[in-house]
């Protein structure tokens, strides 16, 4: 069994910063890609950023230059540093992990979601 816990959301003023964390624990053999997605009210879930096991990153155009995704493989954790936040970044943020379990079963896991609100 694999447990995924997110943290770090909250209320921040425009121009501010937040750092999200997503930590996995349990029967993990390895984690391939890790990513962050977000869903604003009335909108579909969208990709924010991804990072491969080798460290290659990919970002949505709307966050390039403002957000940075990183990972700590020893801790099975992925981070999202968000700077220069805008009201349009307001959403529930979910992490996604491509996990291979100790039984060598590949499976996607999602975090429970953390609310990010950017408002003055």
N, C-alpha and C. Protein backbone atom coordinates (compact mmCIF):
# COMPACT_ATOMS: atom_id res chain seq x y z
N UNK A 1 0.85 -1.19 0.00
CA UNK A 1 0.00 0.00 0.00
C UNK A 1 0.89 1.24 0.00
N UNK A 2 0.42 2.26 -0.72
CA UNK A 2 1.18 3.50 -0.83
C UNK A 2 0.32 4.66 -0.33
N UNK A 3 0.92 5.51 0.49
CA UNK A 3 0.24 6.68 1.01
C UNK A 3 0.89 7.93 0.43
N UNK A 4 0.04 8.88 0.04
CA UNK A 4 0.53 10.13 -0.55
C UNK A 4 -0.07 11.29 0.24
N UNK A 5 0.78 12.18 0.71
CA UNK A 5 0.32 13.31 1.52
C UNK A 5 0.87 14.60 0.96
N UNK A 6 -0.04 15.54 0.70
CA UNK A 6 0.35 16.86 0.21
C UNK A 6 0.31 17.87 1.35
N UNK A 7 1.10 18.91 1.20
CA UNK A 7 1.06 20.00 2.16
C UNK A 7 1.58 21.28 1.50
N UNK A 8 1.30 22.41 2.15
CA UNK A 8 1.90 23.66 1.72
C UNK A 8 0.97 24.68 1.10
N UNK A 9 -0.29 24.34 0.89
CA UNK A 9 -1.20 25.30 0.29
C UNK A 9 -1.59 26.39 1.28
N UNK A 10 -2.37 27.35 0.79
CA UNK A 10 -2.82 28.42 1.66
C UNK A 10 -3.25 29.65 0.89
N UNK A 11 -3.42 30.73 1.64
CA UNK A 11 -3.83 32.02 1.08
C UNK A 11 -2.61 32.93 0.99
N UNK A 12 -2.41 33.52 -0.18
CA UNK A 12 -1.26 34.40 -0.39
C UNK A 12 -1.68 35.58 -1.25
N UNK A 13 -1.04 36.70 -1.06
CA UNK A 13 -1.33 37.88 -1.86
C UNK A 13 -0.68 37.77 -3.24
N UNK A 14 -1.23 38.45 -4.24
CA UNK A 14 -0.58 38.46 -5.55
C UNK A 14 0.87 38.90 -5.44
N UNK A 15 1.72 38.19 -6.17
CA UNK A 15 3.16 38.45 -6.09
C UNK A 15 3.88 37.62 -5.05
N UNK A 16 3.12 36.94 -4.22
CA UNK A 16 3.72 36.14 -3.16
C UNK A 16 4.18 34.78 -3.63
N UNK A 17 4.65 34.00 -2.67
CA UNK A 17 5.21 32.67 -2.96
C UNK A 17 4.63 31.62 -2.03
N UNK A 18 4.58 30.41 -2.53
CA UNK A 18 4.22 29.24 -1.73
C UNK A 18 5.05 28.06 -2.23
N UNK A 19 5.25 27.09 -1.34
CA UNK A 19 5.94 25.86 -1.71
C UNK A 19 5.08 24.68 -1.34
N UNK A 20 4.72 23.88 -2.32
CA UNK A 20 3.94 22.68 -2.10
C UNK A 20 4.86 21.47 -2.00
N UNK A 21 4.45 20.52 -1.16
CA UNK A 21 5.19 19.27 -1.02
C UNK A 21 4.23 18.10 -1.19
N UNK A 22 4.76 17.01 -1.70
CA UNK A 22 3.97 15.78 -1.87
C UNK A 22 4.89 14.62 -1.55
N UNK A 23 4.59 13.92 -0.46
CA UNK A 23 5.45 12.84 0.01
C UNK A 23 4.73 11.50 -0.08
N UNK A 24 5.42 10.51 -0.59
CA UNK A 24 4.86 9.16 -0.70
C UNK A 24 5.60 8.23 0.25
N UNK A 25 4.86 7.27 0.78
CA UNK A 25 5.45 6.28 1.66
C UNK A 25 4.74 4.95 1.47
N UNK A 26 5.39 3.88 1.95
CA UNK A 26 4.77 2.56 1.84
C UNK A 26 5.55 1.63 0.94
N UNK A 27 4.83 0.80 0.22
CA UNK A 27 5.43 -0.28 -0.58
C UNK A 27 5.91 0.23 -1.94
N UNK A 28 6.95 1.05 -1.90
CA UNK A 28 7.46 1.69 -3.11
C UNK A 28 8.78 1.07 -3.53
N UNK A 29 8.83 0.62 -4.78
CA UNK A 29 10.09 0.15 -5.36
C UNK A 29 10.82 1.33 -5.98
N UNK A 30 10.10 2.07 -6.79
CA UNK A 30 10.64 3.29 -7.37
C UNK A 30 9.49 4.18 -7.84
N UNK A 31 9.80 5.47 -8.04
CA UNK A 31 8.84 6.40 -8.59
C UNK A 31 9.42 6.97 -9.87
N UNK A 32 8.71 6.80 -10.97
CA UNK A 32 9.18 7.32 -12.25
C UNK A 32 8.86 8.81 -12.31
N UNK A 33 7.91 9.19 -13.15
CA UNK A 33 7.59 10.61 -13.25
C UNK A 33 6.76 11.08 -12.05
N UNK A 34 6.94 12.35 -11.73
CA UNK A 34 6.15 13.02 -10.71
C UNK A 34 5.60 14.31 -11.32
N UNK A 35 4.43 14.70 -10.89
CA UNK A 35 3.87 15.90 -11.49
C UNK A 35 2.89 16.61 -10.59
N UNK A 36 2.59 17.83 -10.98
CA UNK A 36 1.58 18.63 -10.31
C UNK A 36 0.51 19.05 -11.33
N UNK A 37 -0.72 18.94 -10.90
CA UNK A 37 -1.86 19.36 -11.70
C UNK A 37 -2.70 20.30 -10.84
N UNK A 38 -3.56 21.06 -11.49
CA UNK A 38 -4.44 21.94 -10.73
C UNK A 38 -5.82 22.01 -11.38
N UNK A 39 -6.80 22.29 -10.53
CA UNK A 39 -8.17 22.42 -11.02
C UNK A 39 -8.83 23.61 -10.35
N UNK A 40 -9.19 24.58 -11.16
CA UNK A 40 -9.90 25.76 -10.67
C UNK A 40 -11.41 25.50 -10.75
N UNK A 41 -12.20 26.21 -9.97
CA UNK A 41 -13.65 26.02 -10.00
C UNK A 41 -14.22 26.20 -11.40
N UNK A 42 -15.01 25.22 -11.84
CA UNK A 42 -15.64 25.30 -13.14
C UNK A 42 -14.73 24.99 -14.30
N UNK A 43 -13.49 24.58 -14.03
CA UNK A 43 -12.55 24.28 -15.11
C UNK A 43 -12.05 22.85 -15.00
N UNK A 44 -11.50 22.35 -16.10
CA UNK A 44 -10.93 21.01 -16.09
C UNK A 44 -9.57 21.02 -15.42
N UNK A 45 -9.18 19.85 -14.93
CA UNK A 45 -7.84 19.72 -14.35
C UNK A 45 -6.81 19.94 -15.45
N UNK A 46 -5.75 20.67 -15.12
CA UNK A 46 -4.70 20.94 -16.11
C UNK A 46 -3.33 20.64 -15.54
N UNK A 47 -2.42 20.29 -16.44
CA UNK A 47 -1.05 20.01 -16.06
C UNK A 47 -0.36 21.31 -15.67
N UNK A 48 0.40 21.27 -14.58
CA UNK A 48 1.20 22.41 -14.17
C UNK A 48 2.67 22.15 -14.48
N UNK A 49 3.19 21.02 -14.01
CA UNK A 49 4.60 20.71 -14.22
C UNK A 49 4.84 19.23 -13.97
N UNK A 50 5.85 18.69 -14.65
CA UNK A 50 6.25 17.31 -14.42
C UNK A 50 7.76 17.22 -14.33
N UNK A 51 8.23 16.15 -13.70
CA UNK A 51 9.67 15.90 -13.60
C UNK A 51 9.89 14.40 -13.70
N UNK A 52 10.84 14.01 -14.54
CA UNK A 52 11.13 12.59 -14.71
C UNK A 52 12.10 12.11 -13.63
N UNK A 53 12.33 10.81 -13.61
CA UNK A 53 13.28 10.25 -12.64
C UNK A 53 14.68 10.78 -12.90
N UNK A 54 14.96 11.18 -14.12
CA UNK A 54 16.28 11.73 -14.45
C UNK A 54 16.40 13.22 -14.23
N UNK A 55 15.29 13.85 -13.85
CA UNK A 55 15.33 15.26 -13.54
C UNK A 55 14.88 16.19 -14.65
N UNK A 56 14.45 15.64 -15.78
CA UNK A 56 13.94 16.50 -16.86
C UNK A 56 12.59 17.06 -16.47
N UNK A 57 12.39 18.34 -16.76
CA UNK A 57 11.17 19.02 -16.33
C UNK A 57 10.37 19.54 -17.52
N UNK A 58 9.08 19.71 -17.27
CA UNK A 58 8.17 20.25 -18.28
C UNK A 58 7.16 21.13 -17.55
N UNK A 59 6.85 22.29 -18.13
CA UNK A 59 5.95 23.23 -17.48
C UNK A 59 4.86 23.71 -18.43
N UNK A 60 3.71 24.00 -17.87
CA UNK A 60 2.67 24.69 -18.63
C UNK A 60 3.18 26.09 -18.96
N UNK A 61 2.79 26.59 -20.12
CA UNK A 61 3.25 27.92 -20.53
C UNK A 61 2.87 28.99 -19.51
N UNK A 62 1.74 28.81 -18.87
CA UNK A 62 1.24 29.82 -17.94
C UNK A 62 2.08 29.96 -16.67
N UNK A 63 2.93 28.97 -16.38
CA UNK A 63 3.72 29.03 -15.15
C UNK A 63 5.21 29.09 -15.39
N UNK A 64 5.63 28.99 -16.65
CA UNK A 64 7.06 29.01 -16.96
C UNK A 64 7.70 30.29 -16.44
N UNK A 65 8.85 30.12 -15.80
CA UNK A 65 9.57 31.26 -15.25
C UNK A 65 9.12 31.68 -13.88
N UNK A 66 8.00 31.12 -13.41
CA UNK A 66 7.48 31.47 -12.08
C UNK A 66 7.48 30.27 -11.13
N UNK A 67 7.21 29.07 -11.66
CA UNK A 67 7.13 27.86 -10.84
C UNK A 67 8.35 26.98 -11.13
N UNK A 68 8.78 26.25 -10.10
CA UNK A 68 9.88 25.29 -10.24
C UNK A 68 9.50 23.98 -9.57
N UNK A 69 9.57 22.91 -10.33
CA UNK A 69 9.33 21.58 -9.78
C UNK A 69 10.66 20.92 -9.48
N UNK A 70 10.72 20.20 -8.36
CA UNK A 70 11.94 19.48 -7.99
C UNK A 70 11.53 18.21 -7.24
N UNK A 71 12.49 17.32 -7.05
CA UNK A 71 12.19 16.07 -6.35
C UNK A 71 13.38 15.65 -5.50
N UNK A 72 13.05 14.92 -4.43
CA UNK A 72 14.06 14.31 -3.56
C UNK A 72 13.77 12.82 -3.59
N UNK A 73 14.54 12.08 -4.35
CA UNK A 73 14.27 10.65 -4.52
C UNK A 73 14.44 9.88 -3.22
N UNK A 74 15.36 10.29 -2.38
CA UNK A 74 15.58 9.60 -1.12
C UNK A 74 14.37 9.70 -0.20
N UNK A 75 13.61 10.79 -0.37
CA UNK A 75 12.43 11.01 0.48
C UNK A 75 11.13 10.72 -0.27
N UNK A 76 11.23 10.29 -1.52
CA UNK A 76 10.02 10.04 -2.34
C UNK A 76 9.09 11.26 -2.31
N UNK A 77 9.68 12.41 -2.49
CA UNK A 77 8.95 13.66 -2.37
C UNK A 77 9.16 14.53 -3.59
N UNK A 78 8.09 15.19 -3.99
CA UNK A 78 8.15 16.17 -5.08
C UNK A 78 7.68 17.52 -4.53
N UNK A 79 8.31 18.57 -5.01
CA UNK A 79 8.02 19.92 -4.55
C UNK A 79 7.58 20.80 -5.72
N UNK A 80 6.83 21.83 -5.40
CA UNK A 80 6.50 22.85 -6.38
C UNK A 80 6.70 24.21 -5.73
N UNK A 81 7.75 24.90 -6.13
CA UNK A 81 7.99 26.26 -5.65
C UNK A 81 7.26 27.22 -6.58
N UNK A 82 6.36 28.00 -6.01
CA UNK A 82 5.54 28.91 -6.80
C UNK A 82 5.86 30.35 -6.40
N UNK A 83 6.37 31.11 -7.33
CA UNK A 83 6.71 32.51 -7.10
C UNK A 83 5.86 33.41 -7.99
N UNK A 84 5.83 34.68 -7.66
CA UNK A 84 5.07 35.66 -8.45
C UNK A 84 3.65 35.18 -8.73
N UNK A 85 3.01 34.73 -7.69
CA UNK A 85 1.68 34.15 -7.84
C UNK A 85 0.66 35.19 -8.29
N UNK A 86 -0.28 34.71 -9.10
CA UNK A 86 -1.33 35.56 -9.67
C UNK A 86 -2.70 35.02 -9.24
N UNK A 87 -3.73 35.84 -9.26
CA UNK A 87 -5.06 35.33 -8.93
C UNK A 87 -5.47 34.16 -9.82
N UNK A 88 -5.00 34.13 -11.04
CA UNK A 88 -5.32 33.03 -11.95
C UNK A 88 -4.70 31.70 -11.56
N UNK A 89 -3.78 31.73 -10.59
CA UNK A 89 -3.19 30.48 -10.10
C UNK A 89 -4.05 29.83 -9.02
N UNK A 90 -5.10 30.50 -8.62
CA UNK A 90 -5.99 29.95 -7.60
C UNK A 90 -6.63 28.66 -8.09
N UNK A 91 -6.46 27.60 -7.31
CA UNK A 91 -6.95 26.29 -7.70
C UNK A 91 -6.64 25.29 -6.59
N UNK A 92 -7.18 24.09 -6.74
CA UNK A 92 -6.76 22.97 -5.91
C UNK A 92 -5.64 22.26 -6.67
N UNK A 93 -4.51 22.09 -6.02
CA UNK A 93 -3.34 21.49 -6.63
C UNK A 93 -3.21 20.04 -6.17
N UNK A 94 -3.01 19.14 -7.13
CA UNK A 94 -2.86 17.71 -6.86
C UNK A 94 -1.51 17.24 -7.40
N UNK A 95 -0.84 16.39 -6.63
CA UNK A 95 0.35 15.75 -7.16
C UNK A 95 -0.04 14.40 -7.76
N UNK A 96 0.76 13.97 -8.71
CA UNK A 96 0.57 12.67 -9.36
C UNK A 96 1.90 11.96 -9.40
N UNK A 97 1.91 10.70 -8.98
CA UNK A 97 3.15 9.94 -8.92
C UNK A 97 2.99 8.64 -9.70
N UNK A 98 3.93 8.36 -10.57
CA UNK A 98 3.95 7.09 -11.29
C UNK A 98 4.82 6.12 -10.48
N UNK A 99 4.15 5.29 -9.69
CA UNK A 99 4.82 4.43 -8.72
C UNK A 99 4.94 3.00 -9.25
N UNK A 100 6.09 2.39 -9.02
CA UNK A 100 6.22 0.94 -9.18
C UNK A 100 6.33 0.39 -7.77
N UNK A 101 5.38 -0.46 -7.40
CA UNK A 101 5.36 -0.96 -6.02
C UNK A 101 6.39 -2.07 -5.82
N UNK A 102 6.51 -2.52 -4.60
CA UNK A 102 7.49 -3.57 -4.30
C UNK A 102 7.09 -4.90 -4.91
N UNK A 103 5.87 -5.03 -5.39
CA UNK A 103 5.47 -6.22 -6.15
C UNK A 103 5.64 -5.99 -7.64
N UNK A 104 6.33 -4.91 -7.99
CA UNK A 104 6.63 -4.53 -9.37
C UNK A 104 5.39 -4.22 -10.18
N UNK A 105 4.38 -3.69 -9.49
CA UNK A 105 3.13 -3.28 -10.14
C UNK A 105 3.18 -1.78 -10.37
N UNK A 106 3.05 -1.33 -11.62
CA UNK A 106 3.01 0.12 -11.88
C UNK A 106 1.62 0.68 -11.65
N UNK A 107 1.56 1.83 -11.01
CA UNK A 107 0.26 2.43 -10.73
C UNK A 107 0.43 3.92 -10.47
N UNK A 108 -0.56 4.69 -10.92
CA UNK A 108 -0.58 6.12 -10.65
C UNK A 108 -1.24 6.39 -9.30
N UNK A 109 -0.64 7.28 -8.54
CA UNK A 109 -1.24 7.72 -7.28
C UNK A 109 -1.41 9.24 -7.30
N UNK A 110 -2.54 9.67 -6.71
CA UNK A 110 -2.84 11.10 -6.63
C UNK A 110 -2.85 11.54 -5.17
N UNK A 111 -2.38 12.76 -4.95
CA UNK A 111 -2.51 13.36 -3.64
C UNK A 111 -3.94 13.81 -3.40
N UNK A 112 -4.25 14.16 -2.14
CA UNK A 112 -5.61 14.51 -1.77
C UNK A 112 -6.01 15.91 -2.23
N UNK A 113 -5.03 16.69 -2.64
CA UNK A 113 -5.29 18.04 -3.10
C UNK A 113 -5.04 19.07 -2.01
N UNK A 114 -4.48 20.19 -2.39
CA UNK A 114 -4.26 21.29 -1.45
C UNK A 114 -4.69 22.59 -2.12
N UNK A 115 -5.44 23.39 -1.38
CA UNK A 115 -6.00 24.63 -1.93
C UNK A 115 -4.95 25.73 -1.93
N UNK A 116 -4.81 26.38 -3.07
CA UNK A 116 -3.99 27.57 -3.19
C UNK A 116 -4.90 28.72 -3.62
N UNK A 117 -4.93 29.76 -2.82
CA UNK A 117 -5.76 30.93 -3.11
C UNK A 117 -4.88 32.17 -3.16
N UNK A 118 -4.94 32.86 -4.29
CA UNK A 118 -4.15 34.07 -4.47
C UNK A 118 -5.12 35.25 -4.54
N UNK A 119 -5.09 36.06 -3.50
CA UNK A 119 -6.05 37.15 -3.41
C UNK A 119 -5.52 38.24 -2.48
N UNK A 120 -5.89 39.47 -2.80
CA UNK A 120 -5.53 40.58 -1.91
C UNK A 120 -6.66 40.86 -0.93
